[in-house]
Amino acid sequence: MIVNIDPNQFKLIEVPIAVVGEVAGMVFLKQHFTQKGQGRITLKFYRKDSVLVAKTITEPDGYFNFLGLPPGSYYATLDPNQLHNLNMIVSPSSINFTIKKSKDGDVADGLEFFMKPLIEDTTALVQPKTGESKNPQQIPVQKKQEEITPVIRNQKTQEPTKIEQTTAPAEKSEKPLTPPKKLNTPGNNLQNPTVRNGSPDTQEYVIQVGSFHNESFAITVQKRLSKVLNRSVEIDHDGGFYKVLVTSLTGIKEAKDLLPKITSEGFPRSFIVKRTKK
């Protein structure tokens, strides 16, 4: 702006301004039954037509604010790429807000987002039984865990075959092998696969007891439940977590019947999962 000044004269200068609004809120991280503000999280602000207009980053305590939005309708979201890299999910996924026209500017505050891990470590939720230590003895992890996951190798192909067995193995016999009969004995509960349209059913129900960062802790839980339930309990390593799974269930009914017993053993976050058979 160029202003011409006259000697000994006052001159009125009009400066155009735009009245804008402000948005503010918090981002929390929820783990187990606690929550705290989470810093360094990127928020993006879009117009109602999905055009990105601004973004900001939360303070160390999780607080965020941005000043400079013209009057209108907007929605706020957390950066999905950052959530993916952190292996997190957020609720709600977006929040709508409006900046109203005002000579003093408008403030839309009270926006709250809650983040939580996509896969949560449930070690702290395991409840020890009476007389049992809260910190179970750590078991050294061996490279080969034959006691936990028995393996039989085909002498011709040398390919390992995982077996799940809760009864004493049958004695060797010189007679030709015959197809096993359908068994339903206590502690076994194994059934022949259901055949539909000439092909085996590829889906099964399992109970996920917990997911743990510490492998030895997962093994401790596996051994404990194998003894209590007298059935197959597996460990599945997925995404940096060791998931403890109760398998060899005959169907959803048996899974629902077994779930209260597992919960009473100190695993309140147990739930039923339908997966593809391995």
Protein backbone atom coordinates (compact mmCIF):
# COMPACT_ATOMS: atom_id res chain seq x y z
CA MET A 1 0.00 0.00 0.00
CA ILE A 2 1.34 3.43 -1.00
CA VAL A 3 0.23 6.43 1.09
CA ASN A 4 0.91 10.05 0.15
CA ILE A 5 1.51 12.22 3.20
CA ASP A 6 0.60 15.94 3.19
CA PRO A 7 2.51 18.26 5.54
CA ASN A 8 0.66 19.14 8.75
CA GLN A 9 -2.35 17.02 7.78
CA PHE A 10 -4.05 13.98 9.32
CA LYS A 11 -5.09 11.37 6.76
CA LEU A 12 -7.53 8.50 7.29
CA ILE A 13 -6.17 5.20 5.99
CA GLU A 14 -8.65 2.35 5.54
CA VAL A 15 -7.17 -1.13 5.82
CA PRO A 16 -9.36 -4.05 4.64
CA ILE A 17 -9.43 -7.08 6.97
CA ALA A 18 -11.15 -10.45 6.92
CA VAL A 19 -12.83 -11.74 10.08
CA VAL A 20 -11.93 -15.40 10.51
CA GLY A 21 -12.71 -18.10 13.03
CA GLU A 22 -10.80 -20.54 15.25
CA VAL A 23 -11.16 -24.29 15.89
CA ALA A 24 -9.78 -26.08 18.97
CA GLY A 25 -9.95 -29.42 20.74
CA MET A 26 -8.03 -32.42 22.11
CA VAL A 27 -6.59 -35.71 20.85
CA PHE A 28 -6.43 -38.52 23.40
CA LEU A 29 -4.65 -41.89 23.36
CA LYS A 30 -6.69 -44.66 25.00
CA GLN A 31 -4.93 -47.80 26.28
CA HIS A 32 -6.72 -50.36 28.41
CA PHE A 33 -8.80 -48.27 30.85
CA THR A 34 -6.71 -45.08 30.81
CA GLN A 35 -6.39 -42.16 28.43
CA LYS A 36 -3.99 -39.25 28.04
CA GLY A 37 -3.39 -36.40 25.62
CA GLN A 38 -1.24 -37.32 22.62
CA GLY A 39 1.16 -34.84 21.06
CA ARG A 40 2.59 -34.55 17.54
CA ILE A 41 -0.59 -35.75 15.84
CA THR A 42 -1.55 -34.06 12.56
CA LEU A 43 -5.12 -32.80 12.07
CA LYS A 44 -6.58 -31.76 8.74
CA PHE A 45 -9.50 -29.40 8.17
CA TYR A 46 -11.71 -29.73 5.08
CA ARG A 47 -14.58 -27.74 3.65
CA LYS A 48 -17.86 -29.57 3.29
CA ASP A 49 -16.95 -30.19 -0.39
CA SER A 50 -13.86 -32.17 0.83
CA VAL A 51 -11.32 -29.50 -0.13
CA LEU A 52 -8.37 -29.35 2.29
CA VAL A 53 -8.04 -25.83 3.69
CA ALA A 54 -5.66 -26.13 6.66
CA LYS A 55 -3.83 -28.49 8.99
CA THR A 56 -2.13 -28.31 12.38
CA ILE A 57 -0.29 -30.48 14.93
CA THR A 58 -1.27 -31.20 18.53
CA GLU A 59 0.71 -29.87 21.48
CA PRO A 60 2.51 -32.34 23.84
CA ASP A 61 -0.63 -32.54 26.03
CA GLY A 62 -2.86 -33.32 23.02
CA TYR A 63 -4.38 -29.82 22.65
CA PHE A 64 -4.77 -28.30 19.20
CA ASN A 65 -6.10 -25.07 17.72
CA PHE A 66 -6.06 -23.27 14.39
CA LEU A 67 -6.94 -19.62 13.70
CA GLY A 68 -7.76 -18.54 10.16
CA LEU A 69 -10.91 -20.26 8.90
CA PRO A 70 -13.43 -18.10 7.02
CA PRO A 71 -17.10 -18.52 7.97
CA GLY A 72 -18.53 -21.77 6.62
CA SER A 73 -19.03 -25.50 7.26
CA TYR A 74 -16.03 -27.77 7.82
CA TYR A 75 -14.99 -31.14 9.16
CA ALA A 76 -11.81 -32.22 10.95
CA THR A 77 -9.96 -35.54 10.71
CA LEU A 78 -6.67 -37.05 11.88
CA ASP A 79 -4.10 -37.69 9.16
CA PRO A 80 -4.92 -41.24 7.92
CA ASN A 81 -1.36 -41.87 6.72
CA GLN A 82 0.03 -41.07 10.16
CA LEU A 83 -2.54 -43.34 11.80
CA HIS A 84 -1.57 -46.15 9.44
CA ASN A 85 2.14 -45.70 10.23
CA LEU A 86 1.40 -45.70 13.97
CA ASN A 87 -0.89 -48.76 13.64
CA MET A 88 -3.71 -46.79 15.27
CA ILE A 89 -7.43 -46.20 14.73
CA VAL A 90 -9.44 -43.16 15.80
CA SER A 91 -12.98 -42.51 16.99
CA PRO A 92 -14.83 -40.61 15.69
CA SER A 93 -13.31 -40.70 12.23
CA SER A 94 -14.30 -37.06 11.60
CA ILE A 95 -16.08 -34.17 13.37
CA ASN A 96 -18.24 -31.56 11.64
CA PHE A 97 -18.16 -27.95 12.83
CA THR A 98 -19.28 -24.51 11.64
CA ILE A 99 -17.60 -21.11 11.78
CA LYS A 100 -20.36 -18.49 12.02
CA LYS A 101 -20.23 -14.94 10.69
CA SER A 102 -19.38 -12.46 13.42
CA LYS A 103 -17.64 -9.11 13.66
CA ASP A 104 -15.51 -10.51 16.49
CA GLY A 105 -14.86 -13.90 14.89
CA ASP A 106 -16.23 -17.28 15.93
CA VAL A 107 -14.64 -20.15 17.87
CA ALA A 108 -15.56 -23.84 17.42
CA ASP A 109 -14.05 -25.69 20.36
CA GLY A 110 -14.58 -28.93 22.26
CA LEU A 111 -13.59 -31.24 19.39
CA GLU A 112 -12.28 -34.52 20.84
CA PHE A 113 -10.64 -37.48 19.08
CA PHE A 114 -9.75 -40.78 20.77
CA MET A 115 -6.94 -42.92 19.37
CA LYS A 116 -6.24 -46.52 20.26
CA PRO A 117 -3.92 -49.26 18.97
CA LEU A 118 -5.25 -51.34 16.10
CA ILE A 119 -3.92 -54.40 17.99
CA GLU A 120 -3.73 -53.88 21.73
CA ASP A 121 -1.24 -55.53 24.09
CA THR A 122 -3.50 -57.15 26.71
CA THR A 123 -0.74 -58.22 29.12
CA ALA A 124 -1.84 -55.71 31.77
CA LEU A 125 -5.43 -57.04 31.63
CA VAL A 126 -4.56 -60.65 32.51
CA GLN A 127 -5.92 -61.33 35.99
CA PRO A 128 -3.92 -63.90 37.99
CA LYS A 129 -5.84 -66.51 39.93
CA THR A 130 -5.75 -66.64 43.73
CA GLY A 131 -2.27 -67.46 44.98
CA GLU A 132 -0.74 -66.84 41.56
CA SER A 133 1.94 -64.20 41.02
CA LYS A 134 0.96 -61.10 39.02
CA ASN A 135 4.31 -61.39 37.23
CA PRO A 136 4.54 -65.00 36.07
CA GLN A 137 7.98 -66.53 35.72
CA GLN A 138 9.45 -65.75 32.34
CA ILE A 139 10.08 -68.87 30.31
CA PRO A 140 13.22 -68.91 28.14
CA VAL A 141 12.19 -69.04 24.50
CA GLN A 142 13.80 -71.95 22.70
CA LYS A 143 14.36 -71.99 19.00
CA LYS A 144 12.49 -75.27 18.76
CA GLN A 145 9.42 -75.63 20.94
CA GLU A 146 8.61 -79.28 20.51
CA GLU A 147 6.80 -79.37 23.87
CA ILE A 148 4.37 -76.68 22.82
CA THR A 149 3.92 -77.41 19.14
CA PRO A 150 4.71 -81.06 18.41
CA VAL A 151 5.97 -81.64 14.90
CA ILE A 152 6.17 -84.86 12.88
CA ARG A 153 8.38 -84.86 9.82
CA ASN A 154 7.66 -87.02 6.81
CA GLN A 155 10.75 -89.19 6.35
CA LYS A 156 10.48 -88.95 2.57
CA THR A 157 9.70 -85.29 2.06
CA GLN A 158 11.03 -83.95 5.39
CA GLU A 159 8.11 -81.51 5.44
CA PRO A 160 6.95 -80.64 8.97
CA THR A 161 3.37 -81.44 9.85
CA LYS A 162 1.87 -79.71 12.89
CA ILE A 163 -0.23 -81.94 15.12
CA GLU A 164 -2.49 -80.99 17.99
CA GLN A 165 -2.92 -83.85 20.39
CA THR A 166 -4.43 -83.98 23.85
CA THR A 167 -4.47 -87.79 24.29
CA ALA A 168 -1.65 -90.29 24.35
CA PRO A 169 -0.35 -91.09 20.85
CA ALA A 170 -1.36 -94.40 19.36
CA GLU A 171 1.19 -97.18 19.24
CA LYS A 172 2.87 -97.93 15.95
CA SER A 173 1.31 -100.69 13.92
CA GLU A 174 2.48 -102.80 11.03
CA LYS A 175 -1.07 -102.80 9.56
CA PRO A 176 -1.94 -100.49 6.69
CA LEU A 177 -3.29 -97.14 7.78
CA THR A 178 -7.05 -96.68 7.58
CA PRO A 179 -8.98 -93.39 7.69
CA PRO A 180 -9.54 -92.33 11.34
CA LYS A 181 -13.01 -92.60 12.74
CA LYS A 182 -14.85 -89.52 13.97
CA LEU A 183 -13.99 -88.99 17.62
CA ASN A 184 -15.70 -86.78 20.21
CA THR A 185 -13.94 -87.60 23.43
CA PRO A 186 -13.44 -85.14 26.34
CA GLY A 187 -10.46 -82.88 25.69
CA ASN A 188 -10.38 -83.76 22.01
CA ASN A 189 -13.61 -82.46 20.42
CA LEU A 190 -12.19 -82.97 16.92
CA GLN A 191 -14.57 -83.62 14.07
CA ASN A 192 -14.10 -84.52 10.46
CA PRO A 193 -14.22 -81.39 8.25
CA THR A 194 -17.61 -80.46 6.89
CA VAL A 195 -17.84 -81.10 3.17
CA ARG A 196 -19.95 -78.77 1.07
CA ASN A 197 -20.35 -79.27 -2.66
CA GLY A 198 -17.42 -81.68 -2.64
CA SER A 199 -14.88 -79.28 -0.99
CA PRO A 200 -13.88 -78.94 2.70
CA ASP A 201 -15.16 -76.02 4.75
CA THR A 202 -12.37 -73.44 4.90
CA GLN A 203 -13.74 -71.39 7.82
CA GLU A 204 -13.36 -72.05 11.55
CA TYR A 205 -14.08 -70.33 14.86
CA VAL A 206 -11.33 -69.65 17.40
CA ILE A 207 -11.19 -67.69 20.67
CA GLN A 208 -8.51 -64.99 20.93
CA VAL A 209 -7.50 -64.85 24.58
CA GLY A 210 -5.06 -61.95 24.28
CA SER A 211 -2.26 -60.37 22.26
CA PHE A 212 1.14 -59.75 23.85
CA HIS A 213 4.41 -58.04 22.94
CA ASN A 214 6.35 -60.53 25.11
CA GLU A 215 6.61 -63.99 23.57
CA SER A 216 7.54 -65.74 26.81
CA PHE A 217 4.45 -64.27 28.50
CA ALA A 218 2.31 -65.57 25.63
CA ILE A 219 3.84 -69.03 26.13
CA THR A 220 3.03 -68.86 29.85
CA VAL A 221 -0.62 -68.08 29.03
CA GLN A 222 -0.67 -70.85 26.41
CA LYS A 223 0.55 -73.50 28.86
CA ARG A 224 -1.81 -72.32 31.58
CA LEU A 225 -4.89 -72.51 29.35
CA SER A 226 -3.84 -75.80 27.75
CA LYS A 227 -3.79 -77.34 31.21
CA VAL A 228 -7.04 -75.74 32.41
CA LEU A 229 -9.08 -76.30 29.23
CA ASN A 230 -7.45 -79.58 28.18
CA ARG A 231 -7.55 -78.56 24.53
CA SER A 232 -5.41 -77.06 21.79
CA VAL A 233 -4.05 -73.54 22.39
CA GLU A 234 -1.89 -71.90 19.70
CA ILE A 235 0.30 -68.81 19.42
CA ASP A 236 0.01 -66.77 16.22
CA HIS A 237 2.72 -64.13 15.59
CA ASP A 238 1.08 -61.24 13.73
CA GLY A 239 2.08 -57.58 13.40
CA GLY A 240 4.63 -57.69 16.22
CA PHE A 241 2.16 -59.30 18.65
CA TYR A 242 1.87 -62.88 19.90
CA LYS A 243 -1.82 -63.81 19.83
CA VAL A 244 -2.94 -66.68 22.07
CA LEU A 245 -5.78 -68.61 20.38
CA VAL A 246 -7.97 -71.49 21.57
CA THR A 247 -8.53 -73.65 18.49
CA SER A 248 -10.09 -76.97 17.42
CA LEU A 249 -13.60 -75.74 18.20
CA THR A 250 -16.51 -77.56 16.57
CA GLY A 251 -18.42 -74.38 15.85
CA ILE A 252 -19.80 -71.10 17.13
CA LYS A 253 -21.93 -72.80 19.83
CA GLU A 254 -18.94 -74.46 21.47
CA ALA A 255 -17.01 -71.19 21.26
CA LYS A 256 -19.82 -69.30 23.03
CA ASP A 257 -20.10 -72.02 25.70
CA LEU A 258 -16.34 -71.93 26.35
CA LEU A 259 -15.94 -68.13 26.42
CA PRO A 260 -17.28 -67.59 30.01
CA LYS A 261 -14.84 -70.17 31.39
CA ILE A 262 -11.88 -68.46 29.71
CA THR A 263 -13.05 -65.08 31.04
CA SER A 264 -13.31 -66.50 34.57
CA GLU A 265 -9.69 -67.66 34.30
CA GLY A 266 -8.56 -64.01 34.22
CA PHE A 267 -8.83 -63.05 30.54
CA PRO A 268 -11.65 -60.45 30.33
CA ARG A 269 -10.85 -59.32 26.77
CA SER A 270 -11.32 -62.75 25.16
CA PHE A 271 -13.48 -62.79 22.05
CA ILE A 272 -14.55 -65.11 19.21
CA VAL A 273 -12.95 -64.81 15.76
CA LYS A 274 -13.95 -66.44 12.48
CA ARG A 275 -10.91 -67.14 10.31
CA THR A 276 -9.73 -69.18 7.36
CA LYS A 277 -8.38 -72.57 8.33
CA LYS A 278 -4.60 -72.82 8.19
